[in-house]
Amino acid sequence: MSLNEQLRELATSIRYPEQSDSVDEDTKRRLAIYQSLFYNNVEGFIRNGFPVLHSIYSEESWHRLVRAFFQQHACRSPYFIDISKEFVEFLSNAYEPVPADPVFLKELAHYEWLELALSVRKTDGTLNYWQGNALPAYFRTSPVSELVGYPYPVHMIGPDFMPEEPGDSHYYLLYRDCDHNVAFQHLNPLAALTFELLSQQPTSVERLCELVHQQAAGIPLNTVQQGVQQLISQWLSCGAAVEA
């Protein structure tokens, strides 16, 4: 048996301990150590990265979910920090939900992963955080910010609140501030539109007001201008937007 074949056999034995056909007791004992070590490391990292998701599962259902990921998904990265991303991709693309899974499983997992992803995302160069004087001539969205939308109010989900069906879209702006803390804002549709337009390129208050007014038909221009200026001041103050 070649080395690659031996490694594949070892990996299969670790993923599926019940399928191991080894009859050597010493080999079984050593395999059990590897099986426990690998699974517990993966499970612990996922539990810490998705605390709200973990809190709404029974222990049995939680381990069934993590075991499905452990057995069925071939991770592409050797780094533990990437396990949470791989877990979200597995839930989104390959996992078949069972009755014990909440209907918002994919959305909540993505929301929790995004918090972790922003906390470790690297940036090119120094960000020009606003110092609180006059609004800068040009500004842009921070590279450590993300706008997302879900058909569930994911920021409210927990053991005491678990929606049973999707509803209206909820928009969230997640960002990392100058102190490296990750926070979020629950946006209304007009604010979400404003941030989406701003994310396309650096711009000025005047130009952003024009773009929003073009998209938000029926809203008076002066109302749009007041709203956009308030949003830009707020986003610059918290670090969701930075000077261009």
C-alpha atoms as a PDB file:
ATOM      1  CA  MET A   1       0.000   0.000   0.000  1.00  0.00           C
ATOM      2  CA  SER A   2       1.397   3.394  -1.015  1.00  0.00           C
ATOM      3  CA  LEU A   3       1.837   6.290   1.410  1.00  0.00           C
ATOM      4  CA  ASN A   4      -1.084   8.200  -0.168  1.00  0.00           C
ATOM      5  CA  GLU A   5      -3.325   5.164   0.190  1.00  0.00           C
ATOM      6  CA  GLN A   6      -2.309   4.798   3.834  1.00  0.00           C
ATOM      7  CA  LEU A   7      -3.069   8.460   4.503  1.00  0.00           C
ATOM      8  CA  ARG A   8      -6.470   8.182   2.831  1.00  0.00           C
ATOM      9  CA  GLU A   9      -7.244   5.100   4.888  1.00  0.00           C
ATOM     10  CA  LEU A  10      -6.207   6.924   8.071  1.00  0.00           C
ATOM     11  CA  ALA A  11      -8.358   9.942   7.191  1.00  0.00           C
ATOM     12  CA  THR A  12     -11.351   7.680   6.539  1.00  0.00           C
ATOM     13  CA  SER A  13     -10.827   5.895   9.853  1.00  0.00           C
ATOM     14  CA  ILE A  14     -10.722   9.236  11.676  1.00  0.00           C
ATOM     15  CA  ARG A  15     -13.874  10.523   9.977  1.00  0.00           C
ATOM     16  CA  TYR A  16     -15.799   7.252  10.260  1.00  0.00           C
ATOM     17  CA  PRO A  17     -14.548   5.383  13.339  1.00  0.00           C
ATOM     18  CA  GLU A  18     -17.456   2.937  13.166  1.00  0.00           C
ATOM     19  CA  GLN A  19     -16.234   1.746   9.742  1.00  0.00           C
ATOM     20  CA  SER A  20     -12.718   0.877  10.842  1.00  0.00           C
ATOM     21  CA  ASP A  21     -12.036  -2.790  10.084  1.00  0.00           C
ATOM     22  CA  SER A  22      -8.821  -2.979  12.078  1.00  0.00           C
ATOM     23  CA  VAL A  23      -8.681  -5.961  14.421  1.00  0.00           C
ATOM     24  CA  ASP A  24      -5.485  -4.949  16.165  1.00  0.00           C
ATOM     25  CA  GLU A  25      -6.420  -3.596  19.610  1.00  0.00           C
ATOM     26  CA  ASP A  26      -3.363  -1.371  19.878  1.00  0.00           C
ATOM     27  CA  THR A  27      -4.134   0.173  16.485  1.00  0.00           C
ATOM     28  CA  LYS A  28      -7.747   0.703  17.535  1.00  0.00           C
ATOM     29  CA  ARG A  29      -6.621   2.424  20.717  1.00  0.00           C
ATOM     30  CA  ARG A  30      -4.302   4.782  18.843  1.00  0.00           C
ATOM     31  CA  LEU A  31      -6.948   5.490  16.215  1.00  0.00           C
ATOM     32  CA  ALA A  32      -9.447   6.339  18.948  1.00  0.00           C
ATOM     33  CA  ILE A  33      -7.031   8.967  20.280  1.00  0.00           C
ATOM     34  CA  TYR A  34      -6.689  10.543  16.835  1.00  0.00           C
ATOM     35  CA  GLN A  35     -10.434  10.354  16.246  1.00  0.00           C
ATOM     36  CA  SER A  36     -11.200  12.105  19.511  1.00  0.00           C
ATOM     37  CA  LEU A  37      -8.454  14.702  19.062  1.00  0.00           C
ATOM     38  CA  PHE A  38      -9.450  15.734  15.541  1.00  0.00           C
ATOM     39  CA  TYR A  39     -13.184  15.785  16.145  1.00  0.00           C
ATOM     40  CA  ASN A  40     -12.966  17.626  19.470  1.00  0.00           C
ATOM     41  CA  ASN A  41     -10.709  20.293  17.949  1.00  0.00           C
ATOM     42  CA  VAL A  42     -13.101  20.882  15.064  1.00  0.00           C
ATOM     43  CA  GLU A  43     -16.190  20.790  17.276  1.00  0.00           C
ATOM     44  CA  GLY A  44     -14.673  23.184  19.801  1.00  0.00           C
ATOM     45  CA  PHE A  45     -13.684  25.679  17.159  1.00  0.00           C
ATOM     46  CA  ILE A  46     -17.156  25.621  15.590  1.00  0.00           C
ATOM     47  CA  ARG A  47     -18.843  25.902  18.994  1.00  0.00           C
ATOM     48  CA  ASN A  48     -16.761  28.946  19.892  1.00  0.00           C
ATOM     49  CA  GLY A  49     -17.289  30.533  16.484  1.00  0.00           C
ATOM     50  CA  PHE A  50     -21.073  30.017  16.442  1.00  0.00           C
ATOM     51  CA  PRO A  51     -22.184  30.474  20.064  1.00  0.00           C
ATOM     52  CA  VAL A  52     -25.786  31.475  19.283  1.00  0.00           C
ATOM     53  CA  LEU A  53     -26.250  28.577  16.876  1.00  0.00           C
ATOM     54  CA  HIS A  54     -24.858  26.195  19.477  1.00  0.00           C
ATOM     55  CA  SER A  55     -27.189  27.566  22.151  1.00  0.00           C
ATOM     56  CA  ILE A  56     -30.358  26.600  20.271  1.00  0.00           C
ATOM     57  CA  TYR A  57     -29.369  22.953  19.707  1.00  0.00           C
ATOM     58  CA  SER A  58     -29.574  20.007  22.046  1.00  0.00           C
ATOM     59  CA  GLU A  59     -26.219  18.340  22.610  1.00  0.00           C
ATOM     60  CA  GLU A  60     -27.238  15.331  20.534  1.00  0.00           C
ATOM     61  CA  SER A  61     -28.447  17.422  17.590  1.00  0.00           C
ATOM     62  CA  TRP A  62     -25.406  19.689  17.779  1.00  0.00           C
ATOM     63  CA  HIS A  63     -22.953  16.817  17.547  1.00  0.00           C
ATOM     64  CA  ARG A  64     -24.981  15.293  14.713  1.00  0.00           C
ATOM     65  CA  LEU A  65     -24.612  18.562  12.791  1.00  0.00           C
ATOM     66  CA  VAL A  66     -20.889  18.938  13.466  1.00  0.00           C
ATOM     67  CA  ARG A  67     -20.280  15.257  12.747  1.00  0.00           C
ATOM     68  CA  ALA A  68     -21.979  15.667   9.357  1.00  0.00           C
ATOM     69  CA  PHE A  69     -19.566  18.510   8.543  1.00  0.00           C
ATOM     70  CA  PHE A  70     -16.600  16.560   9.892  1.00  0.00           C
ATOM     71  CA  GLN A  71     -17.398  13.502   7.804  1.00  0.00           C
ATOM     72  CA  GLN A  72     -18.794  14.951   4.598  1.00  0.00           C
ATOM     73  CA  HIS A  73     -16.798  18.125   3.949  1.00  0.00           C
ATOM     74  CA  ALA A  74     -13.225  18.081   2.668  1.00  0.00           C
ATOM     75  CA  CYS A  75     -11.664  21.269   4.028  1.00  0.00           C
ATOM     76  CA  ARG A  76      -9.424  23.102   1.562  1.00  0.00           C
ATOM     77  CA  SER A  77      -7.424  25.058   4.141  1.00  0.00           C
ATOM     78  CA  PRO A  78      -5.102  23.637   6.807  1.00  0.00           C
ATOM     79  CA  TYR A  79      -5.727  26.610   9.119  1.00  0.00           C
ATOM     80  CA  PHE A  80      -8.233  26.351  11.953  1.00  0.00           C
ATOM     81  CA  ILE A  81      -9.260  29.988  11.464  1.00  0.00           C
ATOM     82  CA  ASP A  82     -10.750  28.951   8.110  1.00  0.00           C
ATOM     83  CA  ILE A  83     -12.904  26.171   9.564  1.00  0.00           C
ATOM     84  CA  SER A  84     -15.782  28.555  10.273  1.00  0.00           C
ATOM     85  CA  LYS A  85     -15.868  29.668   6.622  1.00  0.00           C
ATOM     86  CA  GLU A  86     -15.794  26.060   5.441  1.00  0.00           C
ATOM     87  CA  PHE A  87     -18.617  25.233   7.864  1.00  0.00           C
ATOM     88  CA  VAL A  88     -20.804  28.009   6.429  1.00  0.00           C
ATOM     89  CA  GLU A  89     -20.026  26.871   2.879  1.00  0.00           C
ATOM     90  CA  PHE A  90     -20.962  23.311   3.815  1.00  0.00           C
ATOM     91  CA  LEU A  91     -24.296  24.410   5.276  1.00  0.00           C
ATOM     92  CA  SER A  92     -25.041  26.553   2.221  1.00  0.00           C
ATOM     93  CA  ASN A  93     -24.045  24.140  -0.527  1.00  0.00           C
ATOM     94  CA  ALA A  94     -23.963  20.529   0.597  1.00  0.00           C
ATOM     95  CA  TYR A  95     -25.848  19.988   3.842  1.00  0.00           C
ATOM     96  CA  GLU A  96     -29.334  18.449   3.803  1.00  0.00           C
ATOM     97  CA  PRO A  97     -31.301  19.829   6.791  1.00  0.00           C
ATOM     98  CA  VAL A  98     -33.218  17.491   9.082  1.00  0.00           C
ATOM     99  CA  PRO A  99     -36.305  18.281  11.200  1.00  0.00           C
ATOM    100  CA  ALA A 100     -34.121  19.136  14.209  1.00  0.00           C
ATOM    101  CA  ASP A 101     -32.482  22.006  12.297  1.00  0.00           C
ATOM    102  CA  PRO A 102     -34.004  25.509  12.503  1.00  0.00           C
ATOM    103  CA  VAL A 103     -35.259  27.061   9.274  1.00  0.00           C
ATOM    104  CA  PHE A 104     -32.797  29.941   9.732  1.00  0.00           C
ATOM    105  CA  LEU A 105     -29.744  27.689  10.091  1.00  0.00           C
ATOM    106  CA  LYS A 106     -27.849  28.988   7.045  1.00  0.00           C
ATOM    107  CA  GLU A 107     -28.629  32.642   7.703  1.00  0.00           C
ATOM    108  CA  LEU A 108     -27.688  32.605  11.384  1.00  0.00           C
ATOM    109  CA  ALA A 109     -24.485  30.700  10.673  1.00  0.00           C
ATOM    110  CA  HIS A 110     -23.495  33.193   7.986  1.00  0.00           C
ATOM    111  CA  TYR A 111     -24.194  36.142  10.296  1.00  0.00           C
ATOM    112  CA  GLU A 112     -22.069  34.685  13.087  1.00  0.00           C
ATOM    113  CA  TRP A 113     -19.277  33.776  10.668  1.00  0.00           C
ATOM    114  CA  LEU A 114     -19.239  37.313   9.274  1.00  0.00           C
ATOM    115  CA  GLU A 115     -18.583  38.729  12.742  1.00  0.00           C
ATOM    116  CA  LEU A 116     -15.560  36.455  13.079  1.00  0.00           C
ATOM    117  CA  ALA A 117     -14.384  37.097   9.513  1.00  0.00           C
ATOM    118  CA  LEU A 118     -14.402  40.875   9.985  1.00  0.00           C
ATOM    119  CA  SER A 119     -12.507  40.586  13.263  1.00  0.00           C
ATOM    120  CA  VAL A 120      -9.525  38.981  11.485  1.00  0.00           C
ATOM    121  CA  ARG A 121      -9.787  40.503   7.990  1.00  0.00           C
ATOM    122  CA  LYS A 122      -6.550  42.128   6.847  1.00  0.00           C
ATOM    123  CA  THR A 123      -6.418  45.498   5.099  1.00  0.00           C
ATOM    124  CA  ASP A 124      -3.932  47.076   2.732  1.00  0.00           C
ATOM    125  CA  GLY A 125      -2.413  50.089   4.406  1.00  0.00           C
ATOM    126  CA  THR A 126      -3.798  52.310   7.143  1.00  0.00           C
ATOM    127  CA  LEU A 127      -7.456  53.299   7.181  1.00  0.00           C
ATOM    128  CA  ASN A 128      -8.200  57.017   7.393  1.00  0.00           C
ATOM    129  CA  TYR A 129     -10.770  57.112  10.158  1.00  0.00           C
ATOM    130  CA  TRP A 130     -12.698  60.360  10.421  1.00  0.00           C
ATOM    131  CA  GLN A 131     -11.590  62.662  13.237  1.00  0.00           C
ATOM    132  CA  GLY A 132     -14.968  64.332  13.731  1.00  0.00           C
ATOM    133  CA  ASN A 133     -14.442  67.698  12.050  1.00  0.00           C
ATOM    134  CA  ALA A 134     -16.110  68.784   8.797  1.00  0.00           C
ATOM    135  CA  LEU A 135     -17.269  65.953   6.565  1.00  0.00           C
ATOM    136  CA  PRO A 136     -14.483  64.919   4.179  1.00  0.00           C
ATOM    137  CA  ALA A 137     -14.830  65.800   0.508  1.00  0.00           C
ATOM    138  CA  TYR A 138     -14.672  62.127  -0.447  1.00  0.00           C
ATOM    139  CA  PHE A 139     -15.275  58.988   1.557  1.00  0.00           C
ATOM    140  CA  ARG A 140     -15.810  55.278   1.018  1.00  0.00           C
ATOM    141  CA  THR A 141     -17.014  52.217   2.823  1.00  0.00           C
ATOM    142  CA  SER A 142     -14.479  50.613   5.132  1.00  0.00           C
ATOM    143  CA  PRO A 143     -12.836  47.434   3.763  1.00  0.00           C
ATOM    144  CA  VAL A 144     -13.697  45.837   7.111  1.00  0.00           C
ATOM    145  CA  SER A 145     -17.425  46.351   6.699  1.00  0.00           C
ATOM    146  CA  GLU A 146     -20.145  44.268   5.053  1.00  0.00           C
ATOM    147  CA  LEU A 147     -23.797  44.810   4.155  1.00  0.00           C
ATOM    148  CA  VAL A 148     -25.987  41.695   4.266  1.00  0.00           C
ATOM    149  CA  GLY A 149     -29.674  40.907   4.180  1.00  0.00           C
ATOM    150  CA  TYR A 150     -31.623  37.954   5.572  1.00  0.00           C
ATOM    151  CA  PRO A 151     -35.320  37.006   5.693  1.00  0.00           C
ATOM    152  CA  TYR A 152     -34.983  36.644   9.481  1.00  0.00           C
ATOM    153  CA  PRO A 153     -34.077  39.088  12.284  1.00  0.00           C
ATOM    154  CA  VAL A 154     -30.894  37.162  13.057  1.00  0.00           C
ATOM    155  CA  HIS A 155     -29.724  39.636  15.712  1.00  0.00           C
ATOM    156  CA  MET A 156     -32.715  38.634  17.865  1.00  0.00           C
ATOM    157  CA  ILE A 157     -32.443  34.856  17.495  1.00  0.00           C
ATOM    158  CA  GLY A 158     -31.668  32.790  20.571  1.00  0.00           C
ATOM    159  CA  PRO A 159     -33.177  30.054  22.738  1.00  0.00           C
ATOM    160  CA  ASP A 160     -36.126  32.360  23.578  1.00  0.00           C
ATOM    161  CA  PHE A 161     -36.803  33.555  20.030  1.00  0.00           C
ATOM    162  CA  MET A 162     -36.697  31.216  17.039  1.00  0.00           C
ATOM    163  CA  PRO A 163     -38.817  32.237  14.035  1.00  0.00           C
ATOM    164  CA  GLU A 164     -40.461  29.367  12.213  1.00  0.00           C
ATOM    165  CA  GLU A 165     -40.718  30.882   8.744  1.00  0.00           C
ATOM    166  CA  PRO A 166     -39.061  33.640   6.701  1.00  0.00           C
ATOM    167  CA  GLY A 167     -40.484  37.144   6.580  1.00  0.00           C
ATOM    168  CA  ASP A 168     -39.496  40.574   5.347  1.00  0.00           C
ATOM    169  CA  SER A 169     -35.847  41.259   4.562  1.00  0.00           C
ATOM    170  CA  HIS A 170     -33.671  42.502   7.408  1.00  0.00           C
ATOM    171  CA  TYR A 171     -30.553  44.446   6.462  1.00  0.00           C
ATOM    172  CA  TYR A 172     -27.404  44.501   8.566  1.00  0.00           C
ATOM    173  CA  LEU A 173     -24.263  46.579   8.381  1.00  0.00           C
ATOM    174  CA  LEU A 174     -21.396  44.865  10.171  1.00  0.00           C
ATOM    175  CA  TYR A 175     -18.089  46.690  10.612  1.00  0.00           C
ATOM    176  CA  ARG A 176     -14.859  46.745  12.589  1.00  0.00           C
ATOM    177  CA  ASP A 177     -14.146  50.056  14.265  1.00  0.00           C
ATOM    178  CA  CYS A 178     -10.839  51.792  14.939  1.00  0.00           C
ATOM    179  CA  ASP A 179     -10.494  49.876  18.216  1.00  0.00           C
ATOM    180  CA  HIS A 180     -10.855  46.565  16.336  1.00  0.00           C
ATOM    181  CA  ASN A 181     -14.263  45.828  17.812  1.00  0.00           C
ATOM    182  CA  VAL A 182     -16.920  44.345  15.523  1.00  0.00           C
ATOM    183  CA  ALA A 183     -20.390  45.884  15.760  1.00  0.00           C
ATOM    184  CA  PHE A 184     -23.553  45.956  13.678  1.00  0.00           C
ATOM    185  CA  GLN A 185     -26.409  48.237  12.694  1.00  0.00           C
ATOM    186  CA  HIS A 186     -29.886  47.075  11.727  1.00  0.00           C
ATOM    187  CA  LEU A 187     -30.691  49.187   8.655  1.00  0.00           C
ATOM    188  CA  ASN A 188     -33.931  50.141   6.986  1.00  0.00           C
ATOM    189  CA  PRO A 189     -34.135  49.573   3.196  1.00  0.00           C
ATOM    190  CA  LEU A 190     -33.228  53.170   2.292  1.00  0.00           C
ATOM    191  CA  ALA A 191     -30.139  53.123   4.514  1.00  0.00           C
ATOM    192  CA  ALA A 192     -29.152  49.761   3.044  1.00  0.00           C
ATOM    193  CA  LEU A 193     -29.511  51.213  -0.464  1.00  0.00           C
ATOM    194  CA  THR A 194     -27.341  54.187   0.526  1.00  0.00           C
ATOM    195  CA  PHE A 195     -24.563  51.969   1.840  1.00  0.00           C
ATOM    196  CA  GLU A 196     -24.745  49.702  -1.204  1.00  0.00           C
ATOM    197  CA  LEU A 197     -24.344  52.690  -3.538  1.00  0.00           C
ATOM    198  CA  LEU A 198     -21.477  54.039  -1.439  1.00  0.00           C
ATOM    199  CA  SER A 199     -19.703  50.672  -1.586  1.00  0.00           C
ATOM    200  CA  GLN A 200     -19.431  50.877  -5.370  1.00  0.00           C
ATOM    201  CA  GLN A 201     -16.868  53.697  -5.361  1.00  0.00           C
ATOM    202  CA  PRO A 202     -15.562  56.625  -3.265  1.00  0.00           C
ATOM    203  CA  THR A 203     -17.861  59.591  -3.578  1.00  0.00           C
ATOM    204  CA  SER A 204     -19.009  62.899  -2.092  1.00  0.00           C
ATOM    205  CA  VAL A 205     -22.129  63.766  -0.131  1.00  0.00           C
ATOM    206  CA  GLU A 206     -23.595  65.613  -3.100  1.00  0.00           C
ATOM    207  CA  ARG A 207     -23.028  62.784  -5.569  1.00  0.00           C
ATOM    208  CA  LEU A 208     -24.292  60.133  -3.142  1.00  0.00           C
ATOM    209  CA  CYS A 209     -27.477  62.146  -2.593  1.00  0.00           C
ATOM    210  CA  GLU A 210     -28.003  62.260  -6.350  1.00  0.00           C
ATOM    211  CA  LEU A 211     -27.528  58.496  -6.682  1.00  0.00           C
ATOM    212  CA  VAL A 212     -29.900  57.706  -3.823  1.00  0.00           C
ATOM    213  CA  HIS A 213     -32.507  60.116  -5.163  1.00  0.00           C
ATOM    214  CA  GLN A 214     -32.351  58.420  -8.570  1.00  0.00           C
ATOM    215  CA  GLN A 215     -33.008  55.027  -6.984  1.00  0.00           C
ATOM    216  CA  ALA A 216     -35.550  56.143  -4.377  1.00  0.00           C
ATOM    217  CA  ALA A 217     -38.227  57.526  -6.677  1.00  0.00           C
ATOM    218  CA  GLY A 218     -40.916  59.528  -4.940  1.00  0.00           C
ATOM    219  CA  ILE A 219     -38.823  60.736  -2.009  1.00  0.00           C
ATOM    220  CA  PRO A 220     -38.175  64.507  -2.128  1.00  0.00           C
ATOM    221  CA  LEU A 221     -34.555  65.486  -2.746  1.00  0.00           C
ATOM    222  CA  ASN A 222     -34.295  67.547   0.443  1.00  0.00           C
ATOM    223  CA  THR A 223     -35.483  64.557   2.478  1.00  0.00           C
ATOM    224  CA  VAL A 224     -32.867  62.361   0.804  1.00  0.00           C
ATOM    225  CA  GLN A 225     -30.155  64.954   1.464  1.00  0.00           C
ATOM    226  CA  GLN A 226     -30.975  65.181   5.164  1.00  0.00           C
ATOM    227  CA  GLY A 227     -31.069  61.418   5.535  1.00  0.00           C
ATOM    228  CA  VAL A 228     -27.864  60.757   3.617  1.00  0.00           C
ATOM    229  CA  GLN A 229     -25.906  63.389   5.544  1.00  0.00           C
ATOM    230  CA  GLN A 230     -27.028  61.870   8.840  1.00  0.00           C
ATOM    231  CA  LEU A 231     -26.073  58.387   7.682  1.00  0.00           C
ATOM    232  CA  ILE A 232     -22.645  59.475   6.442  1.00  0.00           C
ATOM    233  CA  SER A 233     -21.911  61.279   9.706  1.00  0.00           C
ATOM    234  CA  GLN A 234     -22.967  58.189  11.628  1.00  0.00           C
ATOM    235  CA  TRP A 235     -20.937  55.778   9.505  1.00  0.00           C
ATOM    236  CA  LEU A 236     -17.844  57.957   9.559  1.00  0.00           C
ATOM    237  CA  SER A 237     -18.140  58.318  13.326  1.00  0.00           C
ATOM    238  CA  CYS A 238     -18.367  54.581  13.969  1.00  0.00           C
ATOM    239  CA  GLY A 239     -15.815  53.556  11.311  1.00  0.00           C
ATOM    240  CA  ALA A 240     -18.160  51.835   8.840  1.00  0.00           C
ATOM    241  CA  ALA A 241     -17.033  54.506   6.357  1.00  0.00           C
ATOM    242  CA  VAL A 242     -13.608  56.112   6.108  1.00  0.00           C
ATOM    243  CA  GLU A 243     -12.025  59.049   4.329  1.00  0.00           C
ATOM    244  CA  ALA A 244     -11.036  58.284   0.737  1.00  0.00           C
END
